[in-house]
């Protein structure tokens, strides 16, 4: 059974509390929060004050995805704001800073994760495996919701699954981008534990049935 983390990037921003309660009511596991700086990705979304505002309105884990340059500058603020999981992109800084960033996230009591853009090979994750609680594979180019699922990322996902299993690491494997009721199946078949769904979840006619398909 895979966990589903609906992304509020596709929610109604004028009614975020309502939409987050809806995720809970329909059996969602986490709330995925996309943070974009307009530099690392060509879009700007929400930041620390929104995470802080969301924390009191849900019991679900806040899965905060930092699509920002040099994330080490802001991880303490995001953890204090209420993030339960904090994901950084390995492409967003130098390796030594990324390693220090993961150490800092875990020291602060938060789960640490790395994300790989479509053009980044699975092998790039190797230096970070021992410091990660999760690896997030992007199946779209990060920056915008509603993009088409890139099925050619599945060999990367399968390779990462094998890496984790060979090392007996208790590290989750996640997928983000174009995940819906059909593509979730191929992700699960290739080793995904957590699936991020934005547009597909919020546009679903029966959201509970949509979630249940992920949980099967």
Protein backbone atom coordinates (compact mmCIF):
# COMPACT_ATOMS: atom_id res chain seq x y z
CA UNK A 1 0.00 0.00 0.00
CA UNK A 2 1.37 3.40 -0.99
CA UNK A 3 0.82 6.60 0.92
CA UNK A 4 -0.81 9.48 -0.93
CA UNK A 5 0.27 13.08 -0.33
CA UNK A 6 -2.11 15.48 -2.11
CA UNK A 7 -0.30 18.64 -3.16
CA UNK A 8 -1.95 21.89 -2.15
CA UNK A 9 -0.39 23.55 -5.19
CA UNK A 10 -3.60 22.44 -6.94
CA UNK A 11 -5.91 23.43 -4.06
CA UNK A 12 -8.11 26.52 -3.77
CA UNK A 13 -5.74 28.99 -2.09
CA UNK A 14 -8.69 31.04 -0.85
CA UNK A 15 -9.93 27.96 1.01
CA UNK A 16 -6.81 26.07 2.04
CA UNK A 17 -8.12 25.06 5.46
CA UNK A 18 -11.25 23.60 3.86
CA UNK A 19 -9.23 21.70 1.25
CA UNK A 20 -6.81 20.32 3.83
CA UNK A 21 -9.69 19.11 5.99
CA UNK A 22 -11.00 17.47 2.82
CA UNK A 23 -7.70 15.58 2.43
CA UNK A 24 -8.12 14.24 5.98
CA UNK A 25 -11.76 13.31 5.46
CA UNK A 26 -10.97 11.36 2.30
CA UNK A 27 -8.16 9.33 3.83
CA UNK A 28 -5.09 11.19 2.56
CA UNK A 29 -1.88 10.38 4.42
CA UNK A 30 0.20 13.57 4.15
CA UNK A 31 -0.23 17.14 2.96
CA UNK A 32 2.36 18.02 0.31
CA UNK A 33 3.47 21.66 0.31
CA UNK A 34 5.39 22.94 -2.72
CA UNK A 35 7.71 25.87 -1.99
CA UNK A 36 9.19 27.64 -5.04
CA UNK A 37 11.50 30.65 -5.14
CA UNK A 38 11.33 31.70 -8.80
CA UNK A 39 15.08 31.01 -9.09
CA UNK A 40 15.61 27.28 -8.78
CA UNK A 41 12.34 26.81 -10.66
CA UNK A 42 10.55 29.33 -12.91
CA UNK A 43 7.64 29.89 -10.57
CA UNK A 44 6.92 31.38 -7.13
CA UNK A 45 4.55 29.73 -4.68
CA UNK A 46 4.19 29.83 -0.89
CA UNK A 47 6.65 30.04 1.98
CA UNK A 48 7.26 29.87 5.70
CA UNK A 49 4.20 31.90 6.88
CA UNK A 50 1.80 29.59 5.02
CA UNK A 51 3.38 26.45 6.50
CA UNK A 52 3.08 28.04 9.94
CA UNK A 53 -0.58 28.86 9.30
CA UNK A 54 -1.34 25.33 8.10
CA UNK A 55 0.24 23.53 11.04
CA UNK A 56 -2.60 24.13 13.55
CA UNK A 57 -5.38 23.13 11.14
CA UNK A 58 -4.33 19.53 10.41
CA UNK A 59 -3.09 16.47 12.24
CA UNK A 60 -1.56 15.12 9.01
CA UNK A 61 2.19 15.32 8.44
CA UNK A 62 3.27 18.36 6.42
CA UNK A 63 5.53 17.18 3.61
CA UNK A 64 7.35 20.35 2.56
CA UNK A 65 9.14 20.24 -0.80
CA UNK A 66 11.75 22.99 -1.11
CA UNK A 67 12.30 23.91 -4.75
CA UNK A 68 14.64 26.72 -3.79
CA UNK A 69 18.30 27.60 -4.18
CA UNK A 70 20.63 26.98 -1.22
CA UNK A 71 17.93 25.50 1.03
CA UNK A 72 20.27 25.28 4.02
CA UNK A 73 19.53 28.97 4.61
CA UNK A 74 15.88 28.29 5.46
CA UNK A 75 15.50 24.78 6.85
CA UNK A 76 15.44 25.87 10.50
CA UNK A 77 12.58 28.31 9.81
CA UNK A 78 10.56 25.66 7.96
CA UNK A 79 11.05 23.12 10.74
CA UNK A 80 9.99 25.67 13.35
CA UNK A 81 6.97 26.53 11.20
CA UNK A 82 5.79 22.93 11.49
CA UNK A 83 7.22 20.82 8.66
CA UNK A 84 7.35 17.09 9.46
CA UNK A 85 9.21 16.18 6.27
CA UNK A 86 11.59 18.53 4.50
CA UNK A 87 12.80 17.74 0.98
CA UNK A 88 15.70 19.51 -0.69
CA UNK A 89 16.88 19.22 -4.30
CA UNK A 90 20.42 17.93 -4.69
CA UNK A 91 20.76 20.18 -7.73
CA UNK A 92 20.08 23.30 -5.62
CA UNK A 93 23.49 23.53 -3.92
CA UNK A 94 26.97 22.03 -3.66
CA UNK A 95 27.20 18.47 -2.27
CA UNK A 96 28.90 19.53 0.95
CA UNK A 97 26.14 22.03 1.66
CA UNK A 98 23.46 19.47 0.86
CA UNK A 99 24.99 16.97 3.27
CA UNK A 100 25.18 19.62 5.99
CA UNK A 101 21.58 20.58 5.22
CA UNK A 102 20.34 17.01 5.69
CA UNK A 103 22.24 16.73 8.97
CA UNK A 104 20.68 19.99 10.15
CA UNK A 105 17.16 18.90 9.24
CA UNK A 106 17.51 15.67 11.20
CA UNK A 107 19.20 17.40 14.13
CA UNK A 108 16.16 19.67 14.35
CA UNK A 109 13.90 16.63 14.66
CA UNK A 110 12.46 16.65 11.14
CA UNK A 111 12.54 13.90 8.53
CA UNK A 112 15.05 14.69 5.75
CA UNK A 113 14.61 13.93 2.07
CA UNK A 114 16.31 14.62 -1.23
CA UNK A 115 14.70 15.12 -4.63
CA UNK A 116 16.06 14.39 -8.12
CA UNK A 117 14.97 16.32 -11.21
CA UNK A 118 14.26 14.26 -14.36
CA UNK A 119 17.71 14.91 -15.81
CA UNK A 120 19.55 13.79 -12.66
CA UNK A 121 20.60 10.12 -12.64
CA UNK A 122 19.84 7.76 -9.79
CA UNK A 123 23.56 7.42 -9.01
CA UNK A 124 23.66 11.08 -7.95
CA UNK A 125 21.74 10.08 -4.82
CA UNK A 126 24.43 7.67 -3.56
CA UNK A 127 26.38 10.17 -1.38
CA UNK A 128 23.15 11.08 0.44
CA UNK A 129 21.54 7.70 1.06
CA UNK A 130 22.70 7.28 4.65
CA UNK A 131 21.36 10.71 5.59
CA UNK A 132 17.93 10.41 3.96
CA UNK A 133 14.56 9.33 5.27
CA UNK A 134 13.06 9.63 1.78
CA UNK A 135 14.08 10.08 -1.87
CA UNK A 136 11.68 11.93 -4.15
CA UNK A 137 11.83 11.23 -7.89
CA UNK A 138 10.39 13.99 -10.06
CA UNK A 139 8.35 12.66 -12.97
CA UNK A 140 7.83 16.17 -14.39
CA UNK A 141 10.14 19.17 -14.56
CA UNK A 142 9.61 20.92 -11.22
CA UNK A 143 7.95 24.30 -11.11
CA UNK A 144 4.38 23.88 -12.33
CA UNK A 145 1.45 21.58 -11.58
CA UNK A 146 -0.65 19.72 -14.12
CA UNK A 147 2.20 18.39 -16.27
CA UNK A 148 2.22 15.06 -18.08
CA UNK A 149 3.73 12.08 -16.26
CA UNK A 150 7.17 11.07 -17.54
CA UNK A 151 7.04 7.28 -17.69
CA UNK A 152 10.69 7.16 -18.72
CA UNK A 153 11.61 7.97 -15.11
CA UNK A 154 10.54 4.49 -13.98
CA UNK A 155 13.96 2.86 -14.61
CA UNK A 156 15.45 5.50 -12.29
CA UNK A 157 12.83 4.70 -9.66
CA UNK A 158 13.53 0.98 -9.98
CA UNK A 159 17.28 1.58 -9.68
CA UNK A 160 16.83 3.62 -6.52
CA UNK A 161 14.58 0.92 -5.07
CA UNK A 162 17.33 -1.62 -5.67
CA UNK A 163 19.95 0.67 -4.10
CA UNK A 164 17.90 1.08 -0.95
CA UNK A 165 17.05 -2.61 -0.68
CA UNK A 166 20.66 -3.70 -1.22
CA UNK A 167 21.75 -1.46 1.65
CA UNK A 168 18.75 -2.41 3.84
CA UNK A 169 18.01 1.27 4.34
CA UNK A 170 14.72 2.34 5.91
CA UNK A 171 14.28 5.13 3.41
CA UNK A 172 11.00 5.79 1.64
CA UNK A 173 10.82 6.23 -2.12
CA UNK A 174 8.43 8.88 -3.43
CA UNK A 175 7.19 10.10 -6.81
CA UNK A 176 5.93 13.57 -7.69
CA UNK A 177 4.55 14.78 -11.01
CA UNK A 178 1.62 13.74 -13.17
CA UNK A 179 0.54 11.02 -10.75
CA UNK A 180 -3.10 9.99 -11.16
CA UNK A 181 -5.30 6.93 -10.76
CA UNK A 182 -3.56 5.20 -13.67
CA UNK A 183 0.07 6.26 -13.35
CA UNK A 184 0.03 5.47 -9.62
CA UNK A 185 0.01 1.78 -10.55
CA UNK A 186 3.25 1.92 -12.56
CA UNK A 187 4.87 3.89 -9.74
CA UNK A 188 3.91 1.26 -7.17
CA UNK A 189 5.09 -1.53 -9.47
CA UNK A 190 8.53 0.11 -9.62
CA UNK A 191 8.93 0.52 -5.88
CA UNK A 192 7.25 3.77 -4.81
CA UNK A 193 6.11 4.07 -1.18
CA UNK A 194 4.71 7.62 -1.35
CA UNK A 195 2.86 9.28 -4.22
CA UNK A 196 2.25 13.00 -4.58
CA UNK A 197 -0.91 13.91 -6.50
CA UNK A 198 -2.05 17.47 -7.08
CA UNK A 199 -4.34 18.24 -9.99
CA UNK A 200 -5.59 14.66 -10.28
CA UNK A 201 -6.67 14.57 -6.64
CA UNK A 202 -8.41 17.94 -6.54
CA UNK A 203 -10.16 17.35 -9.88
CA UNK A 204 -11.35 13.86 -8.93
CA UNK A 205 -15.10 13.45 -8.87
CA UNK A 206 -14.85 10.98 -5.98
CA UNK A 207 -11.78 11.87 -3.95
CA UNK A 208 -12.23 9.06 -1.45
CA UNK A 209 -12.29 6.48 -4.24
CA UNK A 210 -9.23 8.18 -5.74
CA UNK A 211 -7.32 7.81 -2.45
CA UNK A 212 -8.42 4.20 -2.04
CA UNK A 213 -6.91 3.34 -5.41
CA UNK A 214 -3.52 4.53 -4.14
CA UNK A 215 -3.94 2.49 -0.96
CA UNK A 216 -4.67 -0.78 -2.77
